[in-house]
Amino acid sequence: MLSDAGGRIGSVYGVYDEDAGVDIRGRFLIDPDGVIQAMEILTPPVGRNVAELIRQIKAFQHVRKTKGAEATPSGWQPGKVTLKPGPNLVGKVWEVWKPEMAF
């Protein structure tokens, strides 16, 4: 989290509203190499989900730790099933990953 008086950082990330003189709420997950891995921009009337943010951070950390050998499916939690990316997974995600909740 940071404060951005004057909008210098917000301008770089495209979230500074010059007319209002404020940054629009935005979150950017930046990896240790400085690469943006995820971003979310929300207007003030919409709340944020801190639990989802933490889940995503843990998922990105897991993928980085495995050097991309594992991928985390939607809603993944630490200790749960991961996916092994590759040609054998294409078109078969639902056969490999059986989510606990049905849609």
PDB file of N, CA and C in Angstrom:
ATOM      1  N   MET A   1       0.849  -1.168   0.000  1.00  0.00           N
ATOM      2  CA  MET A   1       0.000   0.000   0.000  1.00  0.00           C
ATOM      3  C   MET A   1       0.895   1.231   0.000  1.00  0.00           C
ATOM      4  N   LEU A   2       0.389   2.266  -0.650  1.00  0.00           N
ATOM      5  CA  LEU A   2       1.157   3.492  -0.642  1.00  0.00           C
ATOM      6  C   LEU A   2       0.242   4.694  -0.794  1.00  0.00           C
ATOM      7  N   SER A   3       0.757   5.819  -0.396  1.00  0.00           N
ATOM      8  CA  SER A   3       0.078   7.085  -0.589  1.00  0.00           C
ATOM      9  C   SER A   3       0.736   7.742  -1.796  1.00  0.00           C
ATOM     10  N   ASP A   4      -0.073   8.372  -2.635  1.00  0.00           N
ATOM     11  CA  ASP A   4       0.450   8.905  -3.890  1.00  0.00           C
ATOM     12  C   ASP A   4       0.003  10.348  -4.095  1.00  0.00           C
ATOM     13  N   ALA A   5       0.401  11.215  -3.185  1.00  0.00           N
ATOM     14  CA  ALA A   5       0.057  12.632  -3.316  1.00  0.00           C
ATOM     15  C   ALA A   5       0.608  13.163  -4.630  1.00  0.00           C
ATOM     16  N   GLY A   6      -0.243  13.755  -5.431  1.00  0.00           N
ATOM     17  CA  GLY A   6       0.174  14.297  -6.717  1.00  0.00           C
ATOM     18  C   GLY A   6       0.000  13.335  -7.878  1.00  0.00           C
ATOM     19  N   GLY A   7      -0.243  12.055  -7.590  1.00  0.00           N
ATOM     20  CA  GLY A   7      -0.555  11.089  -8.636  1.00  0.00           C
ATOM     21  C   GLY A   7       0.579  10.666  -9.529  1.00  0.00           C
ATOM     22  N   ARG A   8       1.816  10.835  -9.091  1.00  0.00           N
ATOM     23  CA  ARG A   8       2.940  10.459  -9.956  1.00  0.00           C
ATOM     24  C   ARG A   8       2.972   8.952 -10.229  1.00  0.00           C
ATOM     25  N   ILE A   9       2.785   8.161  -9.202  1.00  0.00           N
ATOM     26  CA  ILE A   9       2.808   6.708  -9.386  1.00  0.00           C
ATOM     27  C   ILE A   9       1.529   6.252 -10.087  1.00  0.00           C
ATOM     28  N   GLY A  10       0.385   6.813  -9.680  1.00  0.00           N
ATOM     29  CA  GLY A  10      -0.882   6.466 -10.317  1.00  0.00           C
ATOM     30  C   GLY A  10      -0.877   6.747 -11.810  1.00  0.00           C
ATOM     31  N   SER A  11      -0.194   7.800 -12.215  1.00  0.00           N
ATOM     32  CA  SER A  11      -0.092   8.121 -13.648  1.00  0.00           C
ATOM     33  C   SER A  11       0.664   7.028 -14.392  1.00  0.00           C
ATOM     34  N   VAL A  12       1.736   6.528 -13.792  1.00  0.00           N
ATOM     35  CA  VAL A  12       2.526   5.466 -14.412  1.00  0.00           C
ATOM     36  C   VAL A  12       1.675   4.214 -14.611  1.00  0.00           C
ATOM     37  N   TYR A  13       0.835   3.894 -13.629  1.00  0.00           N
ATOM     38  CA  TYR A  13       0.009   2.688 -13.687  1.00  0.00           C
ATOM     39  C   TYR A  13      -1.366   2.915 -14.319  1.00  0.00           C
ATOM     40  N   GLY A  14      -1.623   4.132 -14.750  1.00  0.00           N
ATOM     41  CA  GLY A  14      -2.872   4.416 -15.450  1.00  0.00           C
ATOM     42  C   GLY A  14      -4.103   4.506 -14.567  1.00  0.00           C
ATOM     43  N   VAL A  15      -3.925   4.831 -13.288  1.00  0.00           N
ATOM     44  CA  VAL A  15      -5.073   4.911 -12.384  1.00  0.00           C
ATOM     45  C   VAL A  15      -5.278   6.306 -11.791  1.00  0.00           C
ATOM     46  N   TYR A  16      -4.551   7.282 -12.299  1.00  0.00           N
ATOM     47  CA  TYR A  16      -4.704   8.640 -11.776  1.00  0.00           C
ATOM     48  C   TYR A  16      -5.785   9.368 -12.542  1.00  0.00           C
ATOM     49  N   ASP A  17      -6.764   9.895 -11.817  1.00  0.00           N
ATOM     50  CA  ASP A  17      -7.846  10.681 -12.402  1.00  0.00           C
ATOM     51  C   ASP A  17      -7.441  12.152 -12.284  1.00  0.00           C
ATOM     52  N   GLU A  18      -6.948  12.718 -13.376  1.00  0.00           N
ATOM     53  CA  GLU A  18      -6.447  14.095 -13.343  1.00  0.00           C
ATOM     54  C   GLU A  18      -7.540  15.102 -13.004  1.00  0.00           C
ATOM     55  N   ASP A  19      -8.764  14.882 -13.514  1.00  0.00           N
ATOM     56  CA  ASP A  19      -9.854  15.824 -13.243  1.00  0.00           C
ATOM     57  C   ASP A  19     -10.179  15.897 -11.754  1.00  0.00           C
ATOM     58  N   ALA A  20     -10.186  14.738 -11.094  1.00  0.00           N
ATOM     59  CA  ALA A  20     -10.507  14.697  -9.663  1.00  0.00           C
ATOM     60  C   ALA A  20      -9.265  14.896  -8.795  1.00  0.00           C
ATOM     61  N   GLY A  21      -8.089  14.703  -9.385  1.00  0.00           N
ATOM     62  CA  GLY A  21      -6.851  14.867  -8.618  1.00  0.00           C
ATOM     63  C   GLY A  21      -6.582  13.734  -7.638  1.00  0.00           C
ATOM     64  N   VAL A  22      -7.105  12.550  -7.934  1.00  0.00           N
ATOM     65  CA  VAL A  22      -6.906  11.394  -7.039  1.00  0.00           C
ATOM     66  C   VAL A  22      -6.643  10.135  -7.860  1.00  0.00           C
ATOM     67  N   ASP A  23      -6.071   9.166  -7.197  1.00  0.00           N
ATOM     68  CA  ASP A  23      -5.903   7.855  -7.820  1.00  0.00           C
ATOM     69  C   ASP A  23      -7.188   7.054  -7.659  1.00  0.00           C
ATOM     70  N   ILE A  24      -7.533   6.287  -8.686  1.00  0.00           N
ATOM     71  CA  ILE A  24      -8.619   5.318  -8.587  1.00  0.00           C
ATOM     72  C   ILE A  24      -8.038   4.120  -7.851  1.00  0.00           C
ATOM     73  N   ARG A  25      -8.850   3.471  -7.015  1.00  0.00           N
ATOM     74  CA  ARG A  25      -8.338   2.321  -6.278  1.00  0.00           C
ATOM     75  C   ARG A  25      -7.814   1.262  -7.231  1.00  0.00           C
ATOM     76  N   GLY A  26      -6.593   0.890  -6.996  1.00  0.00           N
ATOM     77  CA  GLY A  26      -5.999  -0.150  -7.816  1.00  0.00           C
ATOM     78  C   GLY A  26      -5.055  -0.979  -6.980  1.00  0.00           C
ATOM     79  N   ARG A  27      -4.948  -2.244  -7.343  1.00  0.00           N
ATOM     80  CA  ARG A  27      -3.957  -3.086  -6.682  1.00  0.00           C
ATOM     81  C   ARG A  27      -3.164  -3.788  -7.771  1.00  0.00           C
ATOM     82  N   PHE A  28      -1.876  -3.882  -7.544  1.00  0.00           N
ATOM     83  CA  PHE A  28      -0.973  -4.480  -8.503  1.00  0.00           C
ATOM     84  C   PHE A  28      -0.098  -5.475  -7.758  1.00  0.00           C
ATOM     85  N   LEU A  29      -0.102  -6.726  -8.196  1.00  0.00           N
ATOM     86  CA  LEU A  29       0.788  -7.720  -7.615  1.00  0.00           C
ATOM     87  C   LEU A  29       2.029  -7.771  -8.492  1.00  0.00           C
ATOM     88  N   ILE A  30       3.133  -7.371  -7.911  1.00  0.00           N
ATOM     89  CA  ILE A  30       4.392  -7.265  -8.648  1.00  0.00           C
ATOM     90  C   ILE A  30       5.367  -8.285  -8.078  1.00  0.00           C
ATOM     91  N   ASP A  31       5.912  -9.131  -8.949  1.00  0.00           N
ATOM     92  CA  ASP A  31       6.801 -10.188  -8.468  1.00  0.00           C
ATOM     93  C   ASP A  31       8.183  -9.615  -8.144  1.00  0.00           C
ATOM     94  N   PRO A  32       9.053 -10.435  -7.540  1.00  0.00           N
ATOM     95  CA  PRO A  32      10.384  -9.946  -7.162  1.00  0.00           C
ATOM     96  C   PRO A  32      11.228  -9.464  -8.341  1.00  0.00           C
ATOM     97  N   ASP A  33      10.851  -9.859  -9.562  1.00  0.00           N
ATOM     98  CA  ASP A  33      11.571  -9.390 -10.744  1.00  0.00           C
ATOM     99  C   ASP A  33      11.015  -8.071 -11.275  1.00  0.00           C
ATOM    100  N   GLY A  34       9.984  -7.526 -10.611  1.00  0.00           N
ATOM    101  CA  GLY A  34       9.393  -6.266 -11.034  1.00  0.00           C
ATOM    102  C   GLY A  34       8.323  -6.409 -12.102  1.00  0.00           C
ATOM    103  N   VAL A  35       7.860  -7.632 -12.348  1.00  0.00           N
ATOM    104  CA  VAL A  35       6.846  -7.883 -13.365  1.00  0.00           C
ATOM    105  C   VAL A  35       5.461  -7.886 -12.722  1.00  0.00           C
ATOM    106  N   ILE A  36       4.530  -7.124 -13.299  1.00  0.00           N
ATOM    107  CA  ILE A  36       3.155  -7.125 -12.800  1.00  0.00           C
ATOM    108  C   ILE A  36       2.526  -8.465 -13.162  1.00  0.00           C
ATOM    109  N   GLN A  37       2.122  -9.215 -12.150  1.00  0.00           N
ATOM    110  CA  GLN A  37       1.494 -10.518 -12.359  1.00  0.00           C
ATOM    111  C   GLN A  37      -0.030 -10.425 -12.334  1.00  0.00           C
ATOM    112  N   ALA A  38      -0.566  -9.432 -11.638  1.00  0.00           N
ATOM    113  CA  ALA A  38      -2.017  -9.258 -11.573  1.00  0.00           C
ATOM    114  C   ALA A  38      -2.321  -7.816 -11.226  1.00  0.00           C
ATOM    115  N   MET A  39      -3.499  -7.369 -11.665  1.00  0.00           N
ATOM    116  CA  MET A  39      -3.942  -6.030 -11.289  1.00  0.00           C
ATOM    117  C   MET A  39      -5.454  -6.013 -11.237  1.00  0.00           C
ATOM    118  N   GLU A  40      -5.977  -5.121 -10.427  1.00  0.00           N
ATOM    119  CA  GLU A  40      -7.423  -4.964 -10.293  1.00  0.00           C
ATOM    120  C   GLU A  40      -7.693  -3.489 -10.035  1.00  0.00           C
ATOM    121  N   ILE A  41      -8.612  -2.928 -10.797  1.00  0.00           N
ATOM    122  CA  ILE A  41      -8.996  -1.526 -10.636  1.00  0.00           C
ATOM    123  C   ILE A  41     -10.473  -1.504 -10.260  1.00  0.00           C
ATOM    124  N   LEU A  42     -10.791  -0.864  -9.153  1.00  0.00           N
ATOM    125  CA  LEU A  42     -12.175  -0.789  -8.689  1.00  0.00           C
ATOM    126  C   LEU A  42     -12.574   0.661  -8.461  1.00  0.00           C
ATOM    127  N   THR A  43     -13.782   0.997  -8.878  1.00  0.00           N
ATOM    128  CA  THR A  43     -14.297   2.331  -8.571  1.00  0.00           C
ATOM    129  C   THR A  43     -14.745   2.347  -7.112  1.00  0.00           C
ATOM    130  N   PRO A  44     -14.798   3.528  -6.498  1.00  0.00           N
ATOM    131  CA  PRO A  44     -15.088   3.621  -5.066  1.00  0.00           C
ATOM    132  C   PRO A  44     -16.330   2.869  -4.564  1.00  0.00           C
ATOM    133  N   PRO A  45     -17.430   2.766  -5.329  1.00  0.00           N
ATOM    134  CA  PRO A  45     -18.590   2.090  -4.759  1.00  0.00           C
ATOM    135  C   PRO A  45     -18.437   0.573  -4.583  1.00  0.00           C
ATOM    136  N   VAL A  46     -17.394  -0.015  -5.172  1.00  0.00           N
ATOM    137  CA  VAL A  46     -17.234  -1.472  -5.110  1.00  0.00           C
ATOM    138  C   VAL A  46     -16.137  -1.819  -4.113  1.00  0.00           C
ATOM    139  N   GLY A  47     -16.469  -2.679  -3.162  1.00  0.00           N
ATOM    140  CA  GLY A  47     -15.511  -3.079  -2.137  1.00  0.00           C
ATOM    141  C   GLY A  47     -14.515  -4.106  -2.635  1.00  0.00           C
ATOM    142  N   ARG A  48     -13.457  -4.245  -1.891  1.00  0.00           N
ATOM    143  CA  ARG A  48     -12.401  -5.190  -2.232  1.00  0.00           C
ATOM    144  C   ARG A  48     -12.482  -6.413  -1.332  1.00  0.00           C
ATOM    145  N   ASN A  49     -11.871  -7.508  -1.769  1.00  0.00           N
ATOM    146  CA  ASN A  49     -11.880  -8.738  -1.011  1.00  0.00           C
ATOM    147  C   ASN A  49     -10.444  -9.064  -0.604  1.00  0.00           C
ATOM    148  N   VAL A  50     -10.091  -8.747   0.633  1.00  0.00           N
ATOM    149  CA  VAL A  50      -8.727  -8.938   1.109  1.00  0.00           C
ATOM    150  C   VAL A  50      -8.369 -10.422   1.147  1.00  0.00           C
ATOM    151  N   ALA A  51      -9.320 -11.290   1.499  1.00  0.00           N
ATOM    152  CA  ALA A  51      -9.044 -12.730   1.533  1.00  0.00           C
ATOM    153  C   ALA A  51      -8.656 -13.239   0.145  1.00  0.00           C
ATOM    154  N   GLU A  52      -9.310 -12.739  -0.890  1.00  0.00           N
ATOM    155  CA  GLU A  52      -8.977 -13.141  -2.262  1.00  0.00           C
ATOM    156  C   GLU A  52      -7.602 -12.622  -2.650  1.00  0.00           C
ATOM    157  N   LEU A  53      -7.275 -11.426  -2.239  1.00  0.00           N
ATOM    158  CA  LEU A  53      -5.950 -10.877  -2.513  1.00  0.00           C
ATOM    159  C   LEU A  53      -4.873 -11.768  -1.893  1.00  0.00           C
ATOM    160  N   ILE A  54      -5.053 -12.138  -0.651  1.00  0.00           N
ATOM    161  CA  ILE A  54      -4.080 -12.994   0.044  1.00  0.00           C
ATOM    162  C   ILE A  54      -3.988 -14.357  -0.635  1.00  0.00           C
ATOM    163  N   ARG A  55      -5.137 -14.909  -1.061  1.00  0.00           N
ATOM    164  CA  ARG A  55      -5.142 -16.196  -1.765  1.00  0.00           C
ATOM    165  C   ARG A  55      -4.330 -16.095  -3.053  1.00  0.00           C
ATOM    166  N   GLN A  56      -4.518 -15.010  -3.784  1.00  0.00           N
ATOM    167  CA  GLN A  56      -3.785 -14.830  -5.033  1.00  0.00           C
ATOM    168  C   GLN A  56      -2.284 -14.689  -4.789  1.00  0.00           C
ATOM    169  N   ILE A  57      -1.906 -13.956  -3.768  1.00  0.00           N
ATOM    170  CA  ILE A  57      -0.480 -13.816  -3.447  1.00  0.00           C
ATOM    171  C   ILE A  57       0.120 -15.195  -3.171  1.00  0.00           C
ATOM    172  N   LYS A  58      -0.581 -16.003  -2.370  1.00  0.00           N
ATOM    173  CA  LYS A  58      -0.084 -17.348  -2.062  1.00  0.00           C
ATOM    174  C   LYS A  58       0.003 -18.206  -3.326  1.00  0.00           C
ATOM    175  N   ALA A  59      -0.971 -18.066  -4.218  1.00  0.00           N
ATOM    176  CA  ALA A  59      -0.957 -18.830  -5.464  1.00  0.00           C
ATOM    177  C   ALA A  59       0.231 -18.416  -6.333  1.00  0.00           C
ATOM    178  N   PHE A  60       0.466 -17.113  -6.488  1.00  0.00           N
ATOM    179  CA  PHE A  60       1.604 -16.649  -7.273  1.00  0.00           C
ATOM    180  C   PHE A  60       2.920 -17.107  -6.649  1.00  0.00           C
ATOM    181  N   GLN A  61       3.003 -17.086  -5.325  1.00  0.00           N
ATOM    182  CA  GLN A  61       4.211 -17.552  -4.652  1.00  0.00           C
ATOM    183  C   GLN A  61       4.432 -19.044  -4.914  1.00  0.00           C
ATOM    184  N   HIS A  62       3.356 -19.827  -4.889  1.00  0.00           N
ATOM    185  CA  HIS A  62       3.472 -21.262  -5.137  1.00  0.00           C
ATOM    186  C   HIS A  62       3.951 -21.532  -6.565  1.00  0.00           C
ATOM    187  N   VAL A  63       3.350 -20.866  -7.526  1.00  0.00           N
ATOM    188  CA  VAL A  63       3.741 -21.057  -8.922  1.00  0.00           C
ATOM    189  C   VAL A  63       5.203 -20.672  -9.111  1.00  0.00           C
ATOM    190  N   ARG A  64       5.621 -19.582  -8.500  1.00  0.00           N
ATOM    191  CA  ARG A  64       7.020 -19.150  -8.615  1.00  0.00           C
ATOM    192  C   ARG A  64       7.949 -20.173  -7.969  1.00  0.00           C
ATOM    193  N   LYS A  65       7.558 -20.685  -6.808  1.00  0.00           N
ATOM    194  CA  LYS A  65       8.375 -21.671  -6.090  1.00  0.00           C
ATOM    195  C   LYS A  65       8.577 -22.932  -6.939  1.00  0.00           C
ATOM    196  N   THR A  66       7.547 -23.324  -7.686  1.00  0.00           N
ATOM    197  CA  THR A  66       7.637 -24.526  -8.524  1.00  0.00           C
ATOM    198  C   THR A  66       8.216 -24.213  -9.909  1.00  0.00           C
ATOM    199  N   LYS A  67       8.628 -22.965 -10.101  1.00  0.00           N
ATOM    200  CA  LYS A  67       9.195 -22.513 -11.381  1.00  0.00           C
ATOM    201  C   LYS A  67       8.255 -22.797 -12.554  1.00  0.00           C
ATOM    202  N   GLY A  68       6.948 -22.680 -12.294  1.00  0.00           N
ATOM    203  CA  GLY A  68       5.951 -22.854 -13.339  1.00  0.00           C
ATOM    204  C   GLY A  68       5.591 -24.300 -13.636  1.00  0.00           C
ATOM    205  N   ALA A  69       6.146 -25.241 -12.890  1.00  0.00           N
ATOM    206  CA  ALA A  69       5.821 -26.659 -13.106  1.00  0.00           C
ATOM    207  C   ALA A  69       4.414 -26.985 -12.615  1.00  0.00           C
ATOM    208  N   GLU A  70       3.858 -26.124 -11.756  1.00  0.00           N
ATOM    209  CA  GLU A  70       2.505 -26.304 -11.253  1.00  0.00           C
ATOM    210  C   GLU A  70       1.725 -25.015 -11.473  1.00  0.00           C
ATOM    211  N   ALA A  71       0.446 -25.172 -11.767  1.00  0.00           N
ATOM    212  CA  ALA A  71      -0.467 -24.037 -11.907  1.00  0.00           C
ATOM    213  C   ALA A  71      -1.573 -24.202 -10.879  1.00  0.00           C
ATOM    214  N   THR A  72      -2.108 -23.086 -10.435  1.00  0.00           N
ATOM    215  CA  THR A  72      -3.170 -23.140  -9.427  1.00  0.00           C
ATOM    216  C   THR A  72      -4.516 -22.847 -10.076  1.00  0.00           C
ATOM    217  N   PRO A  73      -5.470 -23.766  -9.951  1.00  0.00           N
ATOM    218  CA  PRO A  73      -6.785 -23.538 -10.543  1.00  0.00           C
ATOM    219  C   PRO A  73      -7.581 -22.496  -9.758  1.00  0.00           C
ATOM    220  N   SER A  74      -8.702 -22.125 -10.307  1.00  0.00           N
ATOM    221  CA  SER A  74      -9.591 -21.136  -9.686  1.00  0.00           C
ATOM    222  C   SER A  74      -9.907 -21.523  -8.242  1.00  0.00           C
ATOM    223  N   GLY A  75      -9.779 -20.572  -7.340  1.00  0.00           N
ATOM    224  CA  GLY A  75     -10.112 -20.814  -5.944  1.00  0.00           C
ATOM    225  C   GLY A  75      -9.087 -21.640  -5.193  1.00  0.00           C
ATOM    226  N   TRP A  76      -7.943 -21.918  -5.797  1.00  0.00           N
ATOM    227  CA  TRP A  76      -6.908 -22.746  -5.165  1.00  0.00           C
ATOM    228  C   TRP A  76      -6.533 -22.214  -3.798  1.00  0.00           C
ATOM    229  N   GLN A  77      -6.299 -23.139  -2.872  1.00  0.00           N
ATOM    230  CA  GLN A  77      -5.797 -22.820  -1.541  1.00  0.00           C
ATOM    231  C   GLN A  77      -4.542 -23.656  -1.292  1.00  0.00           C
ATOM    232  N   PRO A  78      -3.599 -23.155  -0.496  1.00  0.00           N
ATOM    233  CA  PRO A  78      -2.397 -23.933  -0.205  1.00  0.00           C
ATOM    234  C   PRO A  78      -2.749 -25.340   0.286  1.00  0.00           C
ATOM    235  N   GLY A  79      -2.033 -26.321  -0.248  1.00  0.00           N
ATOM    236  CA  GLY A  79      -2.261 -27.710   0.121  1.00  0.00           C
ATOM    237  C   GLY A  79      -3.279 -28.419  -0.760  1.00  0.00           C
ATOM    238  N   LYS A  80      -3.991 -27.669  -1.579  1.00  0.00           N
ATOM    239  CA  LYS A  80      -4.995 -28.264  -2.472  1.00  0.00           C
ATOM    240  C   LYS A  80      -4.348 -28.672  -3.791  1.00  0.00           C
ATOM    241  N   VAL A  81      -5.121 -29.353  -4.632  1.00  0.00           N
ATOM    242  CA  VAL A  81      -4.651 -29.871  -5.912  1.00  0.00           C
ATOM    243  C   VAL A  81      -4.173 -28.746  -6.822  1.00  0.00           C
ATOM    244  N   THR A  82      -3.031 -28.982  -7.471  1.00  0.00           N
ATOM    245  CA  THR A  82      -2.531 -28.067  -8.489  1.00  0.00           C
ATOM    246  C   THR A  82      -2.578 -28.786  -9.830  1.00  0.00           C
ATOM    247  N   LEU A  83      -2.342 -28.048 -10.880  1.00  0.00           N
ATOM    248  CA  LEU A  83      -2.335 -28.602 -12.225  1.00  0.00           C
ATOM    249  C   LEU A  83      -0.916 -28.590 -12.773  1.00  0.00           C
ATOM    250  N   LYS A  84      -0.606 -29.552 -13.638  1.00  0.00           N
ATOM    251  CA  LYS A  84       0.694 -29.619 -14.288  1.00  0.00           C
ATOM    252  C   LYS A  84       0.518 -29.122 -15.724  1.00  0.00           C
ATOM    253  N   PRO A  85       0.915 -27.877 -16.020  1.00  0.00           N
ATOM    254  CA  PRO A  85       0.722 -27.332 -17.363  1.00  0.00           C
ATOM    255  C   PRO A  85       1.442 -28.157 -18.420  1.00  0.00           C
ATOM    256  N   GLY A  86       0.835 -28.250 -19.580  1.00  0.00           N
ATOM    257  CA  GLY A  86       1.453 -28.951 -20.695  1.00  0.00           C
ATOM    258  C   GLY A  86       0.409 -29.393 -21.692  1.00  0.00           C
ATOM    259  N   PRO A  87       0.854 -29.931 -22.812  1.00  0.00           N
ATOM    260  CA  PRO A  87      -0.076 -30.352 -23.866  1.00  0.00           C
ATOM    261  C   PRO A  87      -1.115 -31.372 -23.399  1.00  0.00           C
ATOM    262  N   ASN A  88      -0.744 -32.228 -22.454  1.00  0.00           N
ATOM    263  CA  ASN A  88      -1.681 -33.247 -21.968  1.00  0.00           C
ATOM    264  C   ASN A  88      -2.856 -32.657 -21.194  1.00  0.00           C
ATOM    265  N   LEU A  89      -2.722 -31.423 -20.730  1.00  0.00           N
ATOM    266  CA  LEU A  89      -3.779 -30.785 -19.954  1.00  0.00           C
ATOM    267  C   LEU A  89      -4.780 -30.041 -20.833  1.00  0.00           C
ATOM    268  N   VAL A  90      -4.377 -29.669 -22.021  1.00  0.00           N
ATOM    269  CA  VAL A  90      -5.223 -28.877 -22.914  1.00  0.00           C
ATOM    270  C   VAL A  90      -6.547 -29.597 -23.172  1.00  0.00           C
ATOM    271  N   GLY A  91      -7.628 -28.912 -22.866  1.00  0.00           N
ATOM    272  CA  GLY A  91      -8.970 -29.458 -23.075  1.00  0.00           C
ATOM    273  C   GLY A  91      -9.392 -30.494 -22.056  1.00  0.00           C
ATOM    274  N   LYS A  92      -8.552 -30.761 -21.054  1.00  0.00           N
ATOM    275  CA  LYS A  92      -8.858 -31.803 -20.068  1.00  0.00           C
ATOM    276  C   LYS A  92      -8.804 -31.308 -18.629  1.00  0.00           C
ATOM    277  N   VAL A  93      -8.838 -30.002 -18.440  1.00  0.00           N
ATOM    278  CA  VAL A  93      -8.722 -29.451 -17.092  1.00  0.00           C
ATOM    279  C   VAL A  93      -9.773 -30.049 -16.164  1.00  0.00           C
ATOM    280  N   TRP A  94     -11.009 -30.164 -16.621  1.00  0.00           N
ATOM    281  CA  TRP A  94     -12.081 -30.669 -15.750  1.00  0.00           C
ATOM    282  C   TRP A  94     -11.910 -32.149 -15.427  1.00  0.00           C
ATOM    283  N   GLU A  95     -11.197 -32.884 -16.265  1.00  0.00           N
ATOM    284  CA  GLU A  95     -10.930 -34.290 -15.957  1.00  0.00           C
ATOM    285  C   GLU A  95      -9.865 -34.409 -14.871  1.00  0.00           C
ATOM    286  N   VAL A  96      -8.893 -33.504 -14.904  1.00  0.00           N
ATOM    287  CA  VAL A  96      -7.778 -33.543 -13.964  1.00  0.00           C
ATOM    288  C   VAL A  96      -8.147 -32.875 -12.641  1.00  0.00           C
ATOM    289  N   TRP A  97      -8.757 -31.725 -12.731  1.00  0.00           N
ATOM    290  CA  TRP A  97      -9.102 -30.930 -11.547  1.00  0.00           C
ATOM    291  C   TRP A  97     -10.591 -31.045 -11.298  1.00  0.00           C
ATOM    292  N   LYS A  98     -10.944 -31.626 -10.198  1.00  0.00           N
ATOM    293  CA  LYS A  98     -12.351 -31.800  -9.842  1.00  0.00           C
ATOM    294  C   LYS A  98     -12.638 -30.869  -8.666  1.00  0.00           C
ATOM    295  N   PRO A  99     -13.174 -29.691  -8.958  1.00  0.00           N
ATOM    296  CA  PRO A  99     -13.426 -28.728  -7.871  1.00  0.00           C
ATOM    297  C   PRO A  99     -14.420 -29.279  -6.854  1.00  0.00           C
ATOM    298  N   GLU A 100     -14.226 -28.868  -5.608  1.00  0.00           N
ATOM    299  CA  GLU A 100     -15.102 -29.329  -4.535  1.00  0.00           C
ATOM    300  C   GLU A 100     -16.518 -28.802  -4.683  1.00  0.00           C
ATOM    301  N   MET A 101     -16.663 -27.671  -5.284  1.00  0.00           N
ATOM    302  CA  MET A 101     -18.005 -27.114  -5.432  1.00  0.00           C
ATOM    303  C   MET A 101     -18.441 -27.187  -6.897  1.00  0.00           C
ATOM    304  N   ALA A 102     -19.597 -27.689  -7.132  1.00  0.00           N
ATOM    305  CA  ALA A 102     -20.120 -27.772  -8.491  1.00  0.00           C
ATOM    306  C   ALA A 102     -20.811 -26.464  -8.850  1.00  0.00           C
ATOM    307  N   PHE A 103     -20.758 -26.128 -10.115  1.00  0.00           N
ATOM    308  CA  PHE A 103     -21.399 -24.894 -10.567  1.00  0.00           C
ATOM    309  C   PHE A 103     -22.712 -25.197 -11.228  1.00  0.00           C
TER     310      PHE A 103
END
